[in-house]
Amino acid sequence: MVAKERKLNGVEEPWWIDFPSLDICKAVCPDVLHGLHKAFKDHCVAWHINLVGKLELDACFQHLPKFPISQWTGKEHRDLQHSILPALVGAVPSQALRATQAELDFIYMAQYCSHTEETLSQLMEYNKIWHLNKNIFITTGAQRGKKGTIPHFHIPKFGATTNFTTETPECYHIEYAKKAYRGVSKKDYTEQMVRWLDHQEKLHYFE
């Protein structure tokens, strides 16, 4: 109804609405880059910055190449993961180090092309170590993002991460976000982008 009120083409009855056993939220699975590497930088690394301060962490990384502020690639994420534990030694509490090491071990093992009962058991053990030590981020107030404290940190479990790819959504991101953004005035752009996409769809079907 909201879409129609704005004279947009809304999808009020999606194709999956009559599937009783389908949870559409679980259809969008994380991949290695976004579900593991980016999540580590956006959460765990951000909490360490909150814990010791940006200047202190910068000093720990002063001998490393500077990382770009935006447009991180998988290589930059992996380089950060390779270097962060030695940089944190002596700067953060031991609990924070154990939690970070467990998360990194989880990330590395989760990237196996296939899993056995043994590797799954080890992943559960890494996850257990993380939860046993994560309280240090909570008690110190380090577990917070741009919108305040993060209530929980959930790692979805859908099998081997190599089964997932963001190639399709990344393509849609270019078609439906970047191109739309370039086609508007950059001010109050959200509604303009939706209208621009609506116009493009109507032109497509008109042709």
Protein backbone atom coordinates (compact mmCIF):
# COMPACT_ATOMS: atom_id res chain seq x y z
CA MET A 1 0.00 0.00 0.00
CA VAL A 2 2.84 2.38 0.78
CA ALA A 3 4.30 1.85 -2.69
CA LYS A 4 0.96 2.56 -4.39
CA GLU A 5 0.47 5.69 -2.30
CA ARG A 6 3.74 6.96 -3.75
CA LYS A 7 2.64 5.89 -7.24
CA LEU A 8 5.28 3.17 -7.37
CA ASN A 9 5.01 -0.42 -8.51
CA GLY A 10 4.92 -2.36 -5.25
CA VAL A 11 5.19 -6.14 -4.92
CA GLU A 12 2.37 -6.88 -2.49
CA GLU A 13 2.23 -10.63 -3.09
CA PRO A 14 5.78 -12.03 -3.52
CA TRP A 15 6.13 -15.44 -5.15
CA TRP A 16 7.19 -17.10 -1.88
CA ILE A 17 4.27 -15.90 0.28
CA ASP A 18 2.41 -19.26 0.09
CA PHE A 19 5.46 -21.39 0.95
CA PRO A 20 4.71 -22.36 4.60
CA SER A 21 8.17 -23.74 5.38
CA LEU A 22 10.16 -20.92 3.75
CA ASP A 23 11.86 -18.28 5.86
CA ILE A 24 12.83 -15.71 3.23
CA CYS A 25 15.28 -14.07 5.66
CA LYS A 26 17.37 -17.26 5.54
CA ALA A 27 17.52 -17.17 1.75
CA VAL A 28 20.07 -14.35 1.88
CA CYS A 29 23.24 -16.07 3.06
CA PRO A 30 26.53 -14.39 4.00
CA ASP A 31 29.57 -15.07 1.88
CA VAL A 32 33.23 -15.11 2.93
CA LEU A 33 33.91 -11.45 2.14
CA HIS A 34 30.85 -9.94 3.81
CA GLY A 35 29.91 -12.64 6.32
CA LEU A 36 33.42 -13.26 7.66
CA HIS A 37 36.08 -10.73 6.63
CA LYS A 38 33.94 -7.58 6.61
CA ALA A 39 32.08 -8.63 9.75
CA PHE A 40 35.41 -9.03 11.54
CA LYS A 41 36.55 -5.53 10.55
CA ASP A 42 33.20 -3.86 11.21
CA HIS A 43 32.67 -5.48 14.60
CA CYS A 44 35.68 -7.04 16.31
CA VAL A 45 38.22 -4.51 15.03
CA ALA A 46 35.82 -1.63 15.77
CA TRP A 47 35.46 -2.90 19.34
CA HIS A 48 39.24 -2.98 19.76
CA ILE A 49 39.36 0.63 18.56
CA ASN A 50 36.76 1.50 21.18
CA LEU A 51 38.75 -0.44 23.76
CA VAL A 52 42.21 1.05 23.30
CA GLY A 53 41.56 4.13 21.19
CA LYS A 54 42.23 4.82 17.52
CA LEU A 55 45.59 6.51 18.10
CA GLU A 56 46.86 3.60 20.19
CA LEU A 57 45.81 1.07 17.59
CA ASP A 58 47.32 3.21 14.84
CA ALA A 59 50.60 3.18 16.77
CA CYS A 60 50.43 -0.61 16.90
CA PHE A 61 50.08 -0.71 13.11
CA GLN A 62 52.57 2.06 12.36
CA HIS A 63 54.98 -0.28 10.58
CA LEU A 64 52.26 -1.75 8.38
CA PRO A 65 51.08 -0.35 5.02
CA LYS A 66 48.18 2.05 5.43
CA PHE A 67 44.79 0.52 4.79
CA PRO A 68 42.30 2.45 2.62
CA ILE A 69 39.42 4.08 4.47
CA SER A 70 36.80 2.70 2.07
CA GLN A 71 36.49 0.16 -0.75
CA TRP A 72 38.29 -2.58 1.16
CA THR A 73 39.00 -5.69 -0.89
CA GLY A 74 39.36 -9.24 0.35
CA LYS A 75 43.14 -8.85 0.33
CA GLU A 76 43.09 -5.87 2.72
CA HIS A 77 40.76 -7.74 5.06
CA ARG A 78 43.04 -10.77 5.10
CA ASP A 79 46.14 -8.63 5.61
CA LEU A 80 44.47 -7.02 8.62
CA GLN A 81 43.57 -10.40 10.07
CA HIS A 82 47.14 -11.65 9.65
CA SER A 83 48.56 -8.70 11.55
CA ILE A 84 46.05 -7.72 14.20
CA LEU A 85 46.90 -10.24 16.93
CA PRO A 86 50.62 -9.29 17.22
CA ALA A 87 49.62 -5.62 17.12
CA LEU A 88 47.18 -6.07 20.00
CA VAL A 89 49.54 -7.90 22.36
CA GLY A 90 50.10 -5.73 25.41
CA ALA A 91 47.50 -3.17 24.28
CA VAL A 92 44.30 -5.05 25.19
CA PRO A 93 43.27 -7.42 28.00
CA SER A 94 44.04 -11.13 27.59
CA GLN A 95 40.32 -11.91 27.32
CA ALA A 96 40.06 -9.69 24.25
CA LEU A 97 43.04 -11.44 22.69
CA ARG A 98 41.57 -14.90 23.31
CA ALA A 99 38.21 -13.84 21.88
CA THR A 100 39.85 -12.34 18.79
CA GLN A 101 42.05 -15.38 18.23
CA ALA A 102 39.02 -17.67 18.49
CA GLU A 103 37.12 -15.56 15.97
CA LEU A 104 40.05 -15.59 13.55
CA ASP A 105 40.40 -19.37 13.92
CA PHE A 106 36.68 -19.66 13.22
CA ILE A 107 37.00 -17.48 10.11
CA TYR A 108 39.92 -19.47 8.70
CA MET A 109 38.33 -22.88 9.32
CA ALA A 110 34.90 -21.77 8.09
CA GLN A 111 36.46 -21.26 4.66
CA TYR A 112 37.18 -24.97 4.20
CA CYS A 113 35.63 -26.29 0.98
CA SER A 114 33.98 -29.11 2.93
CA HIS A 115 33.52 -30.03 6.57
CA THR A 116 33.68 -33.19 8.65
CA GLU A 117 32.33 -33.95 12.10
CA GLU A 118 35.77 -33.07 13.45
CA THR A 119 35.98 -29.65 11.78
CA LEU A 120 32.40 -28.81 12.78
CA SER A 121 33.23 -29.77 16.35
CA GLN A 122 36.31 -27.53 16.23
CA LEU A 123 34.23 -24.63 14.88
CA MET A 124 31.86 -25.07 17.81
CA GLU A 125 34.83 -25.02 20.17
CA TYR A 126 36.12 -21.75 18.66
CA ASN A 127 32.63 -20.32 18.99
CA LYS A 128 32.53 -21.46 22.63
CA ILE A 129 35.87 -19.77 23.37
CA TRP A 130 34.57 -16.58 21.76
CA HIS A 131 31.47 -16.54 23.95
CA LEU A 132 33.48 -17.32 27.09
CA ASN A 133 35.67 -14.26 26.52
CA LYS A 134 33.43 -11.78 24.70
CA ASN A 135 32.21 -10.27 27.96
CA ILE A 136 35.32 -8.06 28.06
CA PHE A 137 33.91 -6.06 25.14
CA ILE A 138 30.57 -5.69 26.93
CA THR A 139 31.83 -4.73 30.42
CA THR A 140 34.23 -2.14 29.02
CA GLY A 141 31.58 -0.64 26.75
CA ALA A 142 33.66 -1.41 23.65
CA GLN A 143 30.86 -3.38 21.98
CA ARG A 144 29.12 -0.48 20.34
CA GLY A 145 28.56 0.72 16.81
CA LYS A 146 27.42 3.95 15.21
CA LYS A 147 23.94 3.43 16.64
CA GLY A 148 25.04 2.42 20.13
CA THR A 149 25.52 -0.93 21.83
CA ILE A 150 25.16 -4.04 19.69
CA PRO A 151 22.82 -6.41 21.60
CA HIS A 152 24.15 -9.64 20.13
CA PHE A 153 26.56 -11.02 17.55
CA HIS A 154 25.07 -13.86 15.54
CA ILE A 155 26.95 -16.06 13.09
CA PRO A 156 24.45 -17.73 10.71
CA LYS A 157 25.18 -21.39 10.05
CA PHE A 158 24.22 -22.55 6.55
CA GLY A 159 27.06 -24.96 5.75
CA ALA A 160 30.40 -24.36 4.03
CA THR A 161 30.83 -20.70 3.15
CA THR A 162 32.17 -21.57 -0.29
CA ASN A 163 28.59 -22.46 -1.26
CA PHE A 164 27.64 -18.79 -1.21
CA THR A 165 28.53 -15.94 -3.52
CA THR A 166 27.64 -12.27 -3.66
CA GLU A 167 28.21 -12.07 -7.40
CA THR A 168 24.49 -11.68 -8.14
CA PRO A 169 23.65 -9.12 -5.42
CA GLU A 170 26.85 -7.20 -6.19
CA CYS A 171 25.69 -6.97 -9.81
CA TYR A 172 22.28 -5.74 -8.66
CA HIS A 173 24.02 -3.24 -6.40
CA ILE A 174 25.61 -1.69 -9.47
CA GLU A 175 22.39 -1.72 -11.51
CA TYR A 176 19.94 -0.63 -8.83
CA ALA A 177 22.02 1.43 -6.42
CA LYS A 178 25.06 2.98 -8.06
CA LYS A 179 23.42 3.83 -11.39
CA ALA A 180 20.31 5.10 -9.64
CA TYR A 181 22.39 7.28 -7.33
CA ARG A 182 24.26 8.78 -10.28
CA GLY A 183 20.90 9.61 -11.87
CA VAL A 184 19.60 11.81 -9.04
CA SER A 185 20.52 15.11 -7.42
CA LYS A 186 22.35 13.52 -4.41
CA LYS A 187 20.04 15.43 -2.04
CA ASP A 188 17.25 13.48 -0.34
CA TYR A 189 18.28 10.80 -2.75
CA THR A 190 16.43 7.75 -1.40
CA GLU A 191 12.99 8.66 -2.76
CA GLN A 192 14.54 10.01 -5.96
CA MET A 193 16.38 6.73 -6.52
CA VAL A 194 13.20 4.71 -6.07
CA ARG A 195 11.36 6.96 -8.55
CA TRP A 196 14.29 6.75 -11.00
CA LEU A 197 14.20 2.94 -10.83
CA ASP A 198 10.44 2.98 -11.29
CA HIS A 199 10.82 5.14 -14.41
CA GLN A 200 13.52 2.83 -15.79
CA GLU A 201 11.27 -0.18 -15.30
CA LYS A 202 8.37 1.51 -17.10
CA LEU A 203 10.66 2.49 -19.99
CA HIS A 204 11.92 -1.08 -20.20
CA TYR A 205 8.42 -2.54 -20.52
CA PHE A 206 7.33 0.27 -22.88
CA GLU A 207 10.13 -0.62 -25.28
